[in-house]
Amino acid sequence: MRYLRDRIISFAATLLLISAVTFFAVNVLPGDPALLILGTEGDPERLASLRQELGLNQPVLIRFAGWLTGMLRGDLGRSIRYSVDIAPLIKNALPVTLLLAVSGVGLALLISIPIGIGCAVRHGSLFETLSLVMTQFGMALPSFWLGLLLINLFALRLGILPPAGYTSGASLILPALALALPRAAVLIRVVRGSVLDALNQDYIRTARSKGLPQYMVLYKHALKNAAVSIAAVSGVQLTQLLGGTIVIEQVFGLPGLGQLLLAAALMRDLPLVQGLVVTSAALILAVNFGLDLVLLSLDPRLRYE
């Protein structure tokens, strides 16, 4: 409970710090936010109206306190370009990004765990050598380039999957695969190294001396102890995808947080950019918090520490 209390306090303090940095970076550093949004050719009356709408006639600390209070109530302000509240825009885009990120990491785990275990069991074999060569190649593949190849093969040539847009769950298969393959290459090496290290431990030799089947030795003992490293790397990859799917969402035309952030930046919608940055930061912090709890459940030594 003390650990949970400390983590919750750290979560709240970090989110408050990120909110403050984001707010002041958007509202203070660029100069006049209204002039940045409308440009130097903006109508003076429209500039004055926008300054009034953004509350720029008030001191910056009062504006920050008001924005922070509204954020605690779920009110992130109003989009300048869309002329609607920001919270519903984020609410509509959030499920797409979450599904895409979780699907990408899930596919990466499905691919990497059996191949990584196979490399560890067949250490020094041709299978391990070829797998490591392929992982080296896979880690060098840019996700957006891989996405274009997948669109060309499965959508344009074979016609079995949609090339772009978001109409059903099938629309996420190709982008999730484009994200999963480079990450699976990393995870294969992590699984191989962790399982190989576990197989050399004394408790594995004891399990084998008891006559336990090979699958039980691998999955109940070796993989269970290797799960800490696998979960840690998978959690890091998930946080990276939650904040870094902009390119893939643009390639596949997915209406997620990444595409919304790109549109907001291009249209100079500073309130929307501000809300999206804070939302992404909160997501990443929440995933890190959940990862800490998973690692605590997997490794009793962390609880003792």
Protein backbone atom coordinates (compact mmCIF):
# COMPACT_ATOMS: atom_id res chain seq x y z
CA MET A 1 0.00 0.00 0.00
CA ARG A 2 2.89 2.37 0.71
CA TYR A 3 4.27 1.66 -2.75
CA LEU A 4 0.88 2.30 -4.36
CA ARG A 5 0.51 5.54 -2.43
CA ASP A 6 3.93 6.74 -3.55
CA ARG A 7 3.21 5.79 -7.16
CA ILE A 8 -0.14 7.61 -7.15
CA ILE A 9 1.47 10.74 -5.72
CA SER A 10 4.24 10.51 -8.33
CA PHE A 11 1.63 10.03 -11.08
CA ALA A 12 -0.32 13.13 -10.00
CA ALA A 13 2.82 15.26 -9.59
CA THR A 14 4.23 14.24 -12.97
CA LEU A 15 0.92 14.91 -14.74
CA LEU A 16 0.69 18.32 -13.06
CA LEU A 17 4.23 19.17 -14.16
CA ILE A 18 3.54 18.06 -17.75
CA SER A 19 0.31 20.09 -17.78
CA ALA A 20 2.14 23.18 -16.59
CA VAL A 21 4.98 22.78 -19.12
CA THR A 22 2.48 22.22 -21.95
CA PHE A 23 0.31 25.18 -21.00
CA PHE A 24 3.16 27.65 -20.69
CA ALA A 25 4.88 26.35 -23.82
CA VAL A 26 1.68 26.91 -25.82
CA ASN A 27 0.52 30.14 -24.19
CA VAL A 28 3.73 31.98 -23.33
CA LEU A 29 6.68 30.92 -25.47
CA PRO A 30 5.14 31.51 -28.95
CA GLY A 31 4.29 35.11 -28.07
CA ASP A 32 0.70 36.04 -28.94
CA PRO A 33 -1.27 32.76 -29.33
CA ALA A 34 -4.09 34.54 -31.18
CA LEU A 35 -1.62 35.96 -33.70
CA LEU A 36 -0.02 32.53 -34.09
CA ILE A 37 -3.41 30.90 -34.77
CA LEU A 38 -4.78 33.49 -37.24
CA GLY A 39 -1.48 34.62 -38.71
CA THR A 40 -0.23 38.13 -39.34
CA GLU A 41 -2.90 38.63 -41.99
CA GLY A 42 -5.71 38.04 -39.47
CA ASP A 43 -8.51 40.56 -39.19
CA PRO A 44 -7.99 42.88 -36.18
CA GLU A 45 -11.57 42.36 -35.00
CA ARG A 46 -11.19 38.60 -35.23
CA LEU A 47 -7.87 38.82 -33.38
CA ALA A 48 -9.51 40.80 -30.59
CA SER A 49 -12.42 38.33 -30.45
CA LEU A 50 -10.05 35.35 -30.31
CA ARG A 51 -7.98 36.95 -27.56
CA GLN A 52 -11.18 37.41 -25.58
CA GLU A 53 -12.24 33.80 -26.26
CA LEU A 54 -8.86 32.45 -25.14
CA GLY A 55 -8.83 34.70 -22.09
CA LEU A 56 -5.58 36.36 -23.13
CA ASN A 57 -6.64 39.56 -21.42
CA GLN A 58 -6.18 37.81 -18.07
CA PRO A 59 -2.86 37.10 -16.30
CA VAL A 60 -1.28 33.84 -17.40
CA LEU A 61 -1.40 32.28 -13.92
CA ILE A 62 -5.14 32.88 -13.68
CA ARG A 63 -5.60 31.33 -17.11
CA PHE A 64 -3.55 28.31 -16.07
CA ALA A 65 -5.56 27.87 -12.87
CA GLY A 66 -8.81 28.08 -14.82
CA TRP A 67 -7.63 25.61 -17.44
CA LEU A 68 -6.35 23.20 -14.79
CA THR A 69 -9.63 23.37 -12.87
CA GLY A 70 -11.56 22.70 -16.05
CA MET A 71 -9.30 19.79 -16.93
CA LEU A 72 -10.03 18.18 -13.56
CA ARG A 73 -13.74 18.36 -14.48
CA GLY A 74 -13.07 16.83 -17.90
CA ASP A 75 -13.30 20.16 -19.72
CA LEU A 76 -10.24 20.65 -21.94
CA GLY A 77 -11.52 23.80 -23.60
CA ARG A 78 -12.85 24.43 -27.07
CA SER A 79 -11.22 23.77 -30.42
CA ILE A 80 -10.64 26.88 -32.52
CA ARG A 81 -10.86 25.19 -35.91
CA TYR A 82 -13.60 22.65 -35.23
CA SER A 83 -15.66 25.00 -33.02
CA VAL A 84 -16.57 22.15 -30.66
CA ASP A 85 -15.42 21.03 -27.22
CA ILE A 86 -12.06 19.28 -27.22
CA ALA A 87 -13.07 16.43 -24.89
CA PRO A 88 -15.53 14.79 -27.36
CA LEU A 89 -12.94 15.03 -30.17
CA ILE A 90 -10.39 13.19 -28.03
CA LYS A 91 -13.03 10.72 -26.83
CA ASN A 92 -13.84 9.75 -30.42
CA ALA A 93 -10.19 9.40 -31.47
CA LEU A 94 -8.87 7.68 -28.34
CA PRO A 95 -10.32 4.16 -28.95
CA VAL A 96 -8.66 3.94 -32.37
CA THR A 97 -5.21 4.73 -30.99
CA LEU A 98 -5.67 2.42 -27.99
CA LEU A 99 -6.82 -0.48 -30.16
CA LEU A 100 -3.99 0.10 -32.61
CA ALA A 101 -1.30 0.25 -29.90
CA VAL A 102 -2.60 -2.76 -27.97
CA SER A 103 -3.05 -4.79 -31.17
CA GLY A 104 0.48 -3.94 -32.31
CA VAL A 105 2.06 -5.07 -29.04
CA GLY A 106 -0.24 -8.11 -28.81
CA LEU A 107 0.71 -9.28 -32.32
CA ALA A 108 4.37 -8.68 -31.52
CA LEU A 109 4.09 -10.94 -28.47
CA LEU A 110 2.26 -13.66 -30.40
CA ILE A 111 5.03 -13.66 -32.99
CA SER A 112 8.01 -13.29 -30.69
CA ILE A 113 7.30 -15.70 -27.83
CA PRO A 114 7.28 -18.99 -29.83
CA ILE A 115 10.20 -17.90 -32.04
CA GLY A 116 12.21 -16.65 -29.06
CA ILE A 117 11.61 -19.87 -27.14
CA GLY A 118 12.59 -21.88 -30.22
CA CYS A 119 15.84 -19.93 -30.49
CA ALA A 120 16.63 -20.58 -26.82
CA VAL A 121 15.84 -24.29 -27.02
CA ARG A 122 17.77 -24.72 -30.28
CA HIS A 123 20.70 -22.58 -29.19
CA GLY A 124 23.48 -22.66 -31.76
CA SER A 125 21.28 -24.18 -34.49
CA LEU A 126 20.57 -22.93 -38.00
CA PHE A 127 17.07 -21.93 -36.86
CA GLU A 128 18.51 -19.56 -34.25
CA THR A 129 21.00 -18.08 -36.72
CA LEU A 130 18.34 -17.41 -39.36
CA SER A 131 15.96 -15.99 -36.74
CA LEU A 132 18.59 -13.57 -35.43
CA VAL A 133 19.43 -12.46 -38.97
CA MET A 134 15.74 -11.81 -39.65
CA THR A 135 15.35 -9.89 -36.41
CA GLN A 136 18.29 -7.68 -37.36
CA PHE A 137 16.59 -6.98 -40.66
CA GLY A 138 13.22 -6.46 -38.97
CA MET A 139 14.54 -3.90 -36.48
CA ALA A 140 15.80 -1.80 -39.40
CA LEU A 141 12.40 -1.70 -41.17
CA PRO A 142 10.53 1.60 -40.83
CA SER A 143 6.91 0.97 -39.87
CA PHE A 144 5.52 3.40 -42.45
CA TRP A 145 7.46 1.73 -45.31
CA LEU A 146 6.32 -1.68 -44.13
CA GLY A 147 2.77 -0.34 -44.02
CA LEU A 148 2.96 0.75 -47.66
CA LEU A 149 4.21 -2.72 -48.64
CA LEU A 150 1.34 -4.36 -46.75
CA ILE A 151 -1.20 -2.08 -48.44
CA ASN A 152 0.23 -2.94 -51.84
CA LEU A 153 0.15 -6.70 -51.17
CA PHE A 154 -3.00 -7.36 -49.15
CA ALA A 155 -5.21 -4.46 -50.24
CA LEU A 156 -4.29 -3.62 -53.82
CA ARG A 157 -3.07 -6.97 -55.18
CA LEU A 158 -5.00 -9.53 -53.13
CA GLY A 159 -7.93 -7.30 -52.17
CA ILE A 160 -8.61 -9.12 -48.90
CA LEU A 161 -8.14 -6.19 -46.48
CA PRO A 162 -9.13 -2.50 -46.62
CA PRO A 163 -6.24 -0.21 -47.62
CA ALA A 164 -7.19 2.77 -45.44
CA GLY A 165 -9.91 4.28 -43.31
CA TYR A 166 -11.63 2.90 -40.23
CA THR A 167 -14.86 1.03 -40.87
CA SER A 168 -14.41 -2.18 -38.86
CA GLY A 169 -11.89 -4.18 -36.90
CA ALA A 170 -10.38 -5.42 -40.17
CA SER A 171 -9.16 -1.87 -40.82
CA LEU A 172 -6.67 -2.26 -37.97
CA ILE A 173 -5.07 -5.52 -39.15
CA LEU A 174 -2.58 -4.02 -41.60
CA PRO A 175 -1.52 -1.03 -39.44
CA ALA A 176 -1.21 -3.27 -36.37
CA LEU A 177 0.94 -5.69 -38.37
CA ALA A 178 3.10 -2.82 -39.64
CA LEU A 179 3.70 -1.76 -36.03
CA ALA A 180 4.10 -5.31 -34.71
CA LEU A 181 6.79 -6.72 -37.00
CA PRO A 182 9.66 -4.33 -36.05
CA ARG A 183 8.73 -4.67 -32.39
CA ALA A 184 8.51 -8.44 -32.65
CA ALA A 185 12.11 -8.41 -33.89
CA VAL A 186 13.17 -6.72 -30.65
CA LEU A 187 11.03 -8.98 -28.48
CA ILE A 188 12.36 -12.15 -30.11
CA ARG A 189 15.84 -11.24 -28.88
CA VAL A 190 14.48 -10.39 -25.42
CA VAL A 191 12.56 -13.67 -25.15
CA ARG A 192 15.54 -15.66 -26.43
CA GLY A 193 17.97 -14.06 -24.00
CA SER A 194 15.63 -14.32 -21.00
CA VAL A 195 14.62 -17.94 -21.64
CA LEU A 196 18.22 -18.94 -22.41
CA ASP A 197 19.34 -17.43 -19.13
CA ALA A 198 16.53 -19.19 -17.26
CA LEU A 199 17.36 -22.57 -18.83
CA ASN A 200 20.85 -22.38 -17.33
CA GLN A 201 19.57 -21.94 -13.77
CA ASP A 202 19.68 -24.65 -11.11
CA TYR A 203 15.90 -24.84 -10.67
CA ILE A 204 15.54 -25.84 -14.35
CA ARG A 205 18.02 -28.68 -13.89
CA THR A 206 16.07 -29.73 -10.80
CA ALA A 207 12.80 -29.69 -12.73
CA ARG A 208 14.31 -31.82 -15.48
CA SER A 209 15.79 -34.26 -12.97
CA LYS A 210 12.27 -34.79 -11.58
CA GLY A 211 11.20 -36.00 -15.00
CA LEU A 212 8.92 -33.09 -15.89
CA PRO A 213 7.93 -32.86 -19.56
CA GLN A 214 9.83 -30.39 -21.73
CA TYR A 215 6.79 -28.18 -22.34
CA MET A 216 6.20 -27.85 -18.60
CA VAL A 217 9.84 -26.99 -17.97
CA LEU A 218 9.68 -24.32 -20.68
CA TYR A 219 6.31 -22.73 -20.09
CA LYS A 220 5.76 -23.21 -16.37
CA HIS A 221 9.28 -22.56 -15.13
CA ALA A 222 11.55 -20.91 -17.71
CA LEU A 223 8.99 -18.65 -19.40
CA LYS A 224 7.43 -17.68 -16.07
CA ASN A 225 10.74 -16.34 -14.81
CA ALA A 226 11.54 -14.71 -18.14
CA ALA A 227 8.15 -12.95 -18.12
CA VAL A 228 9.52 -10.02 -16.10
CA SER A 229 11.88 -8.90 -18.87
CA ILE A 230 9.28 -9.58 -21.57
CA ALA A 231 6.61 -7.57 -19.73
CA ALA A 232 9.00 -4.68 -19.11
CA VAL A 233 10.00 -4.37 -22.77
CA SER A 234 6.40 -4.83 -23.95
CA GLY A 235 5.24 -2.06 -21.62
CA VAL A 236 7.89 0.30 -22.98
CA GLN A 237 6.81 -0.51 -26.53
CA LEU A 238 3.16 0.14 -25.64
CA THR A 239 3.98 3.57 -24.23
CA GLN A 240 5.98 4.36 -27.37
CA LEU A 241 3.03 3.44 -29.58
CA LEU A 242 0.55 5.47 -27.53
CA GLY A 243 2.60 8.56 -28.26
CA GLY A 244 4.04 7.64 -31.63
CA THR A 245 1.37 6.33 -34.04
CA ILE A 246 1.12 9.61 -35.97
CA VAL A 247 2.85 8.33 -39.11
CA ILE A 248 1.01 5.00 -39.26
CA GLU A 249 -2.35 6.68 -38.66
CA GLN A 250 -1.57 9.08 -41.47
CA VAL A 251 -0.52 6.27 -43.85
CA PHE A 252 -3.67 4.25 -43.19
CA GLY A 253 -6.03 7.19 -42.73
CA LEU A 254 -7.03 6.19 -39.18
CA PRO A 255 -8.92 8.81 -37.14
CA GLY A 256 -6.81 8.39 -34.01
CA LEU A 257 -5.04 10.75 -31.64
CA GLY A 258 -1.97 10.93 -33.89
CA GLN A 259 -3.86 12.13 -36.94
CA LEU A 260 -5.90 14.54 -34.81
CA LEU A 261 -2.70 15.98 -33.33
CA LEU A 262 -1.15 16.39 -36.77
CA ALA A 263 -4.26 18.17 -38.06
CA ALA A 264 -4.35 20.41 -35.00
CA ALA A 265 -0.68 21.34 -35.43
CA LEU A 266 -1.08 22.09 -39.14
CA MET A 267 -4.19 24.20 -38.47
CA ARG A 268 -2.48 25.92 -35.52
CA ASP A 269 -5.28 24.89 -33.17
CA LEU A 270 -3.27 25.50 -29.99
CA PRO A 271 -6.01 24.58 -27.46
CA LEU A 272 -6.51 21.23 -29.21
CA VAL A 273 -2.75 20.58 -29.33
CA GLN A 274 -2.57 21.38 -25.64
CA GLY A 275 -5.39 18.97 -24.77
CA LEU A 276 -3.95 16.17 -26.92
CA VAL A 277 -0.48 16.45 -25.40
CA VAL A 278 -1.83 16.26 -21.85
CA THR A 279 -4.10 13.33 -22.77
CA SER A 280 -1.22 11.40 -24.34
CA ALA A 281 0.95 12.08 -21.30
CA ALA A 282 -1.79 10.83 -18.97
CA LEU A 283 -2.14 7.65 -21.05
CA ILE A 284 1.59 6.96 -20.96
CA LEU A 285 1.75 7.56 -17.21
CA ALA A 286 -1.24 5.24 -16.67
CA VAL A 287 0.40 2.48 -18.73
CA ASN A 288 3.65 2.88 -16.76
CA PHE A 289 1.68 2.66 -13.51
CA GLY A 290 -0.07 -0.50 -14.71
CA LEU A 291 3.27 -1.95 -15.83
CA ASP A 292 4.69 -1.41 -12.36
CA LEU A 293 1.77 -3.36 -10.88
CA VAL A 294 2.27 -6.19 -13.40
CA LEU A 295 5.98 -6.40 -12.56
CA LEU A 296 5.15 -6.50 -8.86
CA SER A 297 2.83 -9.45 -9.44
CA LEU A 298 5.40 -11.28 -11.59
CA ASP A 299 8.46 -10.74 -9.41
CA PRO A 300 8.01 -11.15 -5.61
CA ARG A 301 11.50 -9.74 -5.07
CA LEU A 302 10.23 -6.29 -6.04
CA ARG A 303 7.56 -6.49 -3.35
CA TYR A 304 10.15 -7.41 -0.74
CA GLU A 305 12.35 -4.53 -1.80
